[in-house]
Amino acid sequence: MTNPSLVLGPVLYNWPVDTWADFLARVADEVDVDRVHVGEVVCSKREPFFADRLPEVIERLQRGGKTVVVDTLALVTVKRERQLVADLATIEGVEIEINDLTPLATLEAERRFAVSPLVNVYNEGTLGWLAARGAWSVCLPPELPLASVRELAREGARLGVETQVFAFGRLPLAISGRCYHARIHGLAKDSCRYVCAEDPDGLEVDTLDGEAFLAINGVQTMSQDCATVIDEIDALMDAGVSSFRLSPQTGDMKAVAAAFRDRLAGRIDGKEALARLAGADLKVPLGPSMMSRAWTPANAGGA
């Protein structure tokens, strides 16, 4: 098996454009990842702030030796958003990742694409259909059990499609037509005042009993804690996973990437890798291993 890839996903939060650009400039020089995703995924209202800076950010990352992937919007509902997706599909010199199936209507037949964890690839039939349309990489939904990951990785290898898993970050659970951030501030979605920018790692939400529950990011629902698979790398690689995705937070992503790189290279074991994450400046609470939370023997076919 070839060396696994380490991927930095798109920034899902509403960061100030200068903060976003500076972060990616540091990634270009300092963060040990192979590929970097850019582009607005969550809310089209944020996109105009970043559009003019996108070419320079792409050039900066490529100059730093990174492969750049441009992400499309996750929930396309109006004509303006369809046009945004179509425009991204024409950018040359970068890869494209789809976050729903809308871009497939505008991508040229020979244009290959990656598939994000927001697209529900749960079985071999879906994977085969996407591969036939040009998919070269699929990041599987984080709720899949290990047995399903193994089967899809096996089919992906047969089809020549990279199997990727969501390896670090608040889990992207759902996208809605309603803006929770606006609602909690007594605002309407159309006049939200971009209040999601007040919570650069998402806004934590508790139950009525005061227990930690979820996080919200504009129209997106996320896990309350920061999930990881760093202590289960061996099992995932044995299952055929060849790429691991880190989702940006405001914490020390350089330290996160370094811990994953050392673990992938076998320089540290899972216990030490998890301890390094626990000791890093993450800004978001580190949750239990995704293997213990989602890929238990009960739902992983005894794996």
Protein backbone atom coordinates (compact mmCIF):
# COMPACT_ATOMS: atom_id res chain seq x y z
CA MET A 1 0.00 0.00 0.00
CA THR A 2 1.27 3.48 -0.83
CA ASN A 3 1.85 6.03 1.91
CA PRO A 4 -1.49 7.44 3.09
CA SER A 5 -2.36 11.04 2.29
CA LEU A 6 -3.04 13.69 4.91
CA VAL A 7 -5.67 16.20 3.84
CA LEU A 8 -6.79 19.52 5.33
CA GLY A 9 -10.49 20.02 4.65
CA PRO A 10 -12.17 23.36 3.96
CA VAL A 11 -12.67 25.92 6.72
CA LEU A 12 -16.31 25.37 7.63
CA TYR A 13 -16.67 28.40 9.89
CA ASN A 14 -17.16 32.10 9.16
CA TRP A 15 -13.68 33.45 9.80
CA PRO A 16 -12.74 37.03 8.84
CA VAL A 17 -11.24 36.92 5.36
CA ASP A 18 -7.80 38.10 6.55
CA THR A 19 -7.78 35.46 9.29
CA TRP A 20 -8.74 32.82 6.72
CA ALA A 21 -6.06 33.92 4.23
CA ASP A 22 -3.36 34.17 6.93
CA PHE A 23 -4.27 30.71 8.22
CA LEU A 24 -3.88 29.17 4.77
CA ALA A 25 -0.61 31.03 4.19
CA ARG A 26 0.72 29.40 7.38
CA VAL A 27 -0.60 26.06 6.16
CA ALA A 28 1.34 26.53 2.93
CA ASP A 29 4.62 26.99 4.80
CA GLU A 30 4.26 25.18 8.11
CA VAL A 31 1.57 22.48 8.16
CA ASP A 32 2.58 19.02 6.97
CA VAL A 33 -0.38 18.02 4.80
CA ASP A 34 -0.50 16.85 1.19
CA ARG A 35 -3.74 18.45 0.03
CA VAL A 36 -5.65 21.53 1.13
CA HIS A 37 -9.32 22.28 0.47
CA VAL A 38 -10.58 25.84 0.01
CA GLY A 39 -13.97 27.31 -0.83
CA GLU A 40 -17.23 28.07 0.97
CA VAL A 41 -19.23 24.96 1.82
CA VAL A 42 -21.80 26.03 4.42
CA CYS A 43 -23.46 29.34 3.45
CA SER A 44 -23.48 31.19 0.13
CA LYS A 45 -23.88 34.53 1.94
CA ARG A 46 -20.28 34.21 3.13
CA GLU A 47 -18.82 33.49 -0.32
CA PRO A 48 -18.56 37.08 -1.66
CA PHE A 49 -16.14 38.03 1.13
CA PHE A 50 -13.66 35.37 0.03
CA ALA A 51 -14.13 35.25 -3.75
CA ASP A 52 -11.58 37.95 -4.61
CA ARG A 53 -8.93 36.38 -2.37
CA LEU A 54 -9.36 32.82 -3.64
CA PRO A 55 -6.88 33.04 -6.57
CA GLU A 56 -4.05 34.37 -4.38
CA VAL A 57 -4.74 31.77 -1.70
CA ILE A 58 -4.67 28.98 -4.28
CA GLU A 59 -1.41 30.28 -5.73
CA ARG A 60 0.13 30.58 -2.26
CA LEU A 61 -0.77 27.00 -1.34
CA GLN A 62 0.51 25.63 -4.64
CA ARG A 63 3.75 27.53 -4.19
CA GLY A 64 4.03 25.84 -0.80
CA GLY A 65 3.86 22.45 -2.48
CA LYS A 66 0.25 21.63 -1.63
CA THR A 67 -2.31 20.12 -3.98
CA VAL A 68 -5.35 22.42 -3.90
CA VAL A 69 -8.96 21.24 -3.98
CA VAL A 70 -11.80 23.76 -4.38
CA ASP A 71 -15.04 22.84 -2.63
CA THR A 72 -18.53 23.65 -3.84
CA LEU A 73 -21.50 24.72 -1.74
CA ALA A 74 -23.31 21.97 0.19
CA LEU A 75 -26.93 23.08 -0.15
CA VAL A 76 -27.76 24.75 -3.47
CA THR A 77 -31.27 26.22 -3.48
CA VAL A 78 -31.42 29.27 -5.78
CA LYS A 79 -30.17 30.28 -9.22
CA ARG A 80 -27.36 32.48 -7.84
CA GLU A 81 -25.98 29.53 -5.90
CA ARG A 82 -26.17 27.28 -8.96
CA GLN A 83 -24.12 29.87 -10.84
CA LEU A 84 -21.53 29.99 -8.05
CA VAL A 85 -21.11 26.23 -8.32
CA ALA A 86 -20.87 26.40 -12.12
CA ASP A 87 -18.19 29.11 -11.90
CA LEU A 88 -16.07 27.04 -9.51
CA ALA A 89 -16.27 24.09 -11.88
CA THR A 90 -14.44 26.14 -14.54
CA ILE A 91 -11.32 26.88 -12.43
CA GLU A 92 -8.27 25.31 -14.05
CA GLY A 93 -5.25 23.84 -12.29
CA VAL A 94 -7.10 22.65 -9.18
CA GLU A 95 -9.19 19.68 -8.19
CA ILE A 96 -12.92 20.06 -7.43
CA GLU A 97 -14.81 18.51 -4.53
CA ILE A 98 -18.59 18.25 -4.58
CA ASN A 99 -20.65 18.63 -1.41
CA ASP A 100 -23.91 17.68 -3.09
CA LEU A 101 -24.80 16.40 -6.57
CA THR A 102 -25.60 19.82 -8.09
CA PRO A 103 -22.13 20.29 -9.67
CA LEU A 104 -22.50 17.11 -11.72
CA ALA A 105 -24.90 18.99 -13.99
CA THR A 106 -22.18 21.50 -14.91
CA LEU A 107 -18.91 19.57 -14.73
CA GLU A 108 -17.54 18.65 -18.12
CA ALA A 109 -17.55 14.94 -18.84
CA GLU A 110 -13.76 14.63 -18.58
CA ARG A 111 -13.46 16.73 -15.38
CA ARG A 112 -12.77 14.46 -12.44
CA PHE A 113 -13.92 15.36 -8.92
CA ALA A 114 -13.65 14.40 -5.26
CA VAL A 115 -16.65 13.67 -3.03
CA SER A 116 -17.03 15.16 0.46
CA PRO A 117 -18.38 13.40 3.59
CA LEU A 118 -21.59 15.43 3.20
CA VAL A 119 -22.57 13.23 0.24
CA ASN A 120 -24.15 10.01 1.49
CA VAL A 121 -21.97 7.25 0.05
CA TYR A 122 -23.23 4.26 2.02
CA ASN A 123 -22.93 1.39 -0.44
CA GLU A 124 -21.02 0.03 -3.42
CA GLY A 125 -23.75 1.01 -5.88
CA THR A 126 -23.48 4.70 -5.01
CA LEU A 127 -19.69 4.53 -5.09
CA GLY A 128 -19.75 2.87 -8.50
CA TRP A 129 -22.17 5.44 -9.89
CA LEU A 130 -19.96 8.32 -8.73
CA ALA A 131 -16.82 6.63 -10.04
CA ALA A 132 -18.45 6.25 -13.45
CA ARG A 133 -19.15 10.01 -13.45
CA GLY A 134 -15.50 10.86 -12.66
CA ALA A 135 -15.01 10.58 -8.89
CA TRP A 136 -11.38 9.88 -7.98
CA SER A 137 -11.65 10.31 -4.19
CA VAL A 138 -14.52 9.77 -1.74
CA CYS A 139 -14.46 10.92 1.89
CA LEU A 140 -16.90 8.57 3.57
CA PRO A 141 -19.60 9.83 5.97
CA PRO A 142 -18.21 9.68 9.53
CA GLU A 143 -21.12 7.60 10.87
CA LEU A 144 -20.19 4.50 8.86
CA PRO A 145 -19.09 1.42 10.85
CA LEU A 146 -15.71 -0.15 10.17
CA ALA A 147 -17.26 -3.08 8.30
CA SER A 148 -18.83 -0.68 5.79
CA VAL A 149 -15.60 1.29 5.48
CA ARG A 150 -13.78 -1.94 4.66
CA GLU A 151 -16.28 -2.96 1.98
CA LEU A 152 -16.30 0.47 0.35
CA ALA A 153 -12.51 0.69 0.45
CA ARG A 154 -12.29 -2.70 -1.26
CA GLU A 155 -14.71 -1.55 -3.96
CA GLY A 156 -12.90 1.77 -4.26
CA ALA A 157 -9.61 -0.01 -4.86
CA ARG A 158 -11.24 -2.05 -7.62
CA LEU A 159 -12.62 1.12 -9.23
CA GLY A 160 -9.46 3.18 -8.75
CA VAL A 161 -11.12 5.54 -6.25
CA GLU A 162 -9.28 6.77 -3.15
CA THR A 163 -11.03 6.01 0.15
CA GLN A 164 -10.79 8.85 2.66
CA VAL A 165 -12.15 9.18 6.21
CA PHE A 166 -12.93 12.18 8.37
CA ALA A 167 -10.13 11.92 10.92
CA PHE A 168 -10.23 15.06 13.07
CA GLY A 169 -12.59 17.91 13.86
CA ARG A 170 -16.17 18.66 14.79
CA LEU A 171 -18.25 16.23 12.77
CA PRO A 172 -20.35 17.85 10.03
CA LEU A 173 -23.74 16.30 10.75
CA ALA A 174 -26.32 18.22 8.70
CA ILE A 175 -27.03 21.30 6.59
CA SER A 176 -30.40 23.06 6.88
CA GLY A 177 -32.32 25.74 5.03
CA ARG A 178 -32.70 27.53 8.37
CA CYS A 179 -29.97 29.50 10.14
CA TYR A 180 -29.73 28.49 13.77
CA HIS A 181 -27.16 31.15 14.52
CA ALA A 182 -29.48 33.91 13.31
CA ARG A 183 -32.46 32.46 15.17
CA ILE A 184 -30.66 32.26 18.51
CA HIS A 185 -29.86 35.99 18.18
CA GLY A 186 -33.48 36.82 17.30
CA LEU A 187 -32.65 37.47 13.64
CA ALA A 188 -33.96 36.15 10.34
CA LYS A 189 -31.72 34.23 7.97
CA ASP A 190 -31.90 36.97 5.31
CA SER A 191 -30.85 39.62 7.82
CA CYS A 192 -28.48 37.53 9.92
CA ARG A 193 -25.77 40.22 10.30
CA TYR A 194 -23.30 37.34 9.92
CA VAL A 195 -23.50 36.59 13.64
CA CYS A 196 -21.95 33.16 13.03
CA ALA A 197 -18.61 35.01 12.83
CA GLU A 198 -18.85 35.54 16.59
CA ASP A 199 -18.17 31.80 17.09
CA PRO A 200 -15.08 30.88 15.02
CA ASP A 201 -15.26 27.22 16.12
CA GLY A 202 -19.04 27.00 16.18
CA LEU A 203 -21.51 27.70 18.98
CA GLU A 204 -21.89 24.92 21.56
CA VAL A 205 -25.47 23.92 22.34
CA ASP A 206 -26.63 22.22 25.55
CA THR A 207 -29.76 20.22 26.26
CA LEU A 208 -32.51 21.61 28.52
CA ASP A 209 -30.79 19.70 31.33
CA GLY A 210 -27.56 21.58 30.72
CA GLU A 211 -25.67 18.69 29.14
CA ALA A 212 -23.32 19.26 26.20
CA PHE A 213 -25.10 18.19 23.03
CA LEU A 214 -24.21 19.71 19.63
CA ALA A 215 -22.60 22.75 18.02
CA ILE A 216 -24.07 25.04 15.38
CA ASN A 217 -22.32 26.88 12.59
CA GLY A 218 -24.81 29.05 10.76
CA VAL A 219 -27.06 26.59 8.92
CA GLN A 220 -24.86 23.64 9.87
CA THR A 221 -25.21 21.20 12.76
CA MET A 222 -21.99 19.71 14.11
CA SER A 223 -20.84 17.48 16.94
CA GLN A 224 -20.19 19.23 20.24
CA ASP A 225 -16.73 17.79 20.65
CA CYS A 226 -13.78 17.29 18.36
CA ALA A 227 -13.74 13.74 17.02
CA THR A 228 -10.61 11.84 16.05
CA VAL A 229 -9.46 8.47 14.73
CA ILE A 230 -5.77 9.01 15.47
CA ASP A 231 -5.61 6.02 17.84
CA GLU A 232 -7.30 3.74 15.27
CA ILE A 233 -5.10 4.44 12.24
CA ASP A 234 -3.90 0.83 12.00
CA ALA A 235 -7.41 -0.60 11.82
CA LEU A 236 -8.43 1.92 9.17
CA MET A 237 -5.35 1.37 7.04
CA ASP A 238 -5.86 -2.39 7.33
CA ALA A 239 -9.40 -1.76 6.06
CA GLY A 240 -7.99 -0.06 2.97
CA VAL A 241 -8.30 3.63 3.88
CA SER A 242 -5.64 5.62 2.06
CA SER A 243 -6.42 9.23 3.01
CA PHE A 244 -7.22 11.01 6.29
CA ARG A 245 -9.01 14.37 6.55
CA LEU A 246 -8.37 17.01 9.21
CA SER A 247 -11.05 19.69 9.58
CA PRO A 248 -9.67 23.14 10.48
CA GLN A 249 -10.33 24.64 13.91
CA THR A 250 -8.79 27.80 15.42
CA GLY A 251 -6.51 25.66 17.58
CA ASP A 252 -3.00 24.48 16.75
CA MET A 253 -3.55 22.67 13.44
CA LYS A 254 0.21 22.43 12.93
CA ALA A 255 0.45 20.26 16.04
CA VAL A 256 -2.57 18.22 14.97
CA ALA A 257 -1.09 17.53 11.53
CA ALA A 258 2.30 16.67 13.02
CA ALA A 259 0.73 14.13 15.38
CA PHE A 260 -1.17 12.51 12.52
CA ARG A 261 1.92 12.47 10.29
CA ASP A 262 3.99 10.79 12.98
CA ARG A 263 1.24 8.25 13.60
CA LEU A 264 0.81 7.48 9.88
CA ALA A 265 4.57 7.01 9.57
CA GLY A 266 4.65 4.64 12.55
CA ARG A 267 6.92 6.88 14.61
CA ILE A 268 4.44 6.90 17.52
CA ASP A 269 1.69 4.52 18.60
CA GLY A 270 -2.00 5.30 18.97
CA LYS A 271 -1.82 5.96 22.69
CA GLU A 272 0.97 8.51 22.33
CA ALA A 273 -0.75 10.12 19.33
CA LEU A 274 -3.98 10.58 21.28
CA ALA A 275 -2.03 12.01 24.21
CA ARG A 276 -0.38 14.54 21.90
CA LEU A 277 -3.77 15.69 20.65
CA ALA A 278 -5.09 15.91 24.19
CA GLY A 279 -2.14 18.13 25.09
CA ALA A 280 -2.44 20.40 22.07
CA ASP A 281 -4.13 23.80 22.09
CA LEU A 282 -7.35 22.68 20.35
CA LYS A 283 -9.87 25.31 21.55
CA VAL A 284 -12.58 22.63 21.17
CA PRO A 285 -13.09 19.74 23.63
CA LEU A 286 -11.54 16.50 22.38
CA GLY A 287 -14.10 13.71 22.35
CA PRO A 288 -13.69 9.93 22.52
CA SER A 289 -12.20 8.00 19.66
CA MET A 290 -14.59 7.69 16.74
CA MET A 291 -13.87 3.97 16.82
CA SER A 292 -15.26 3.68 20.35
CA ARG A 293 -18.17 6.00 19.53
CA ALA A 294 -19.25 4.74 16.12
CA TRP A 295 -17.19 1.72 15.09
CA THR A 296 -17.75 -0.57 18.07
CA PRO A 297 -17.70 -4.38 17.68
CA ALA A 298 -21.50 -4.35 17.89
CA ASN A 299 -21.92 -2.32 14.71
CA ALA A 300 -18.70 -3.19 12.92
CA GLY A 301 -19.41 -6.83 12.24
CA GLY A 302 -17.06 -7.91 15.00
CA ALA A 303 -14.12 -6.03 13.53
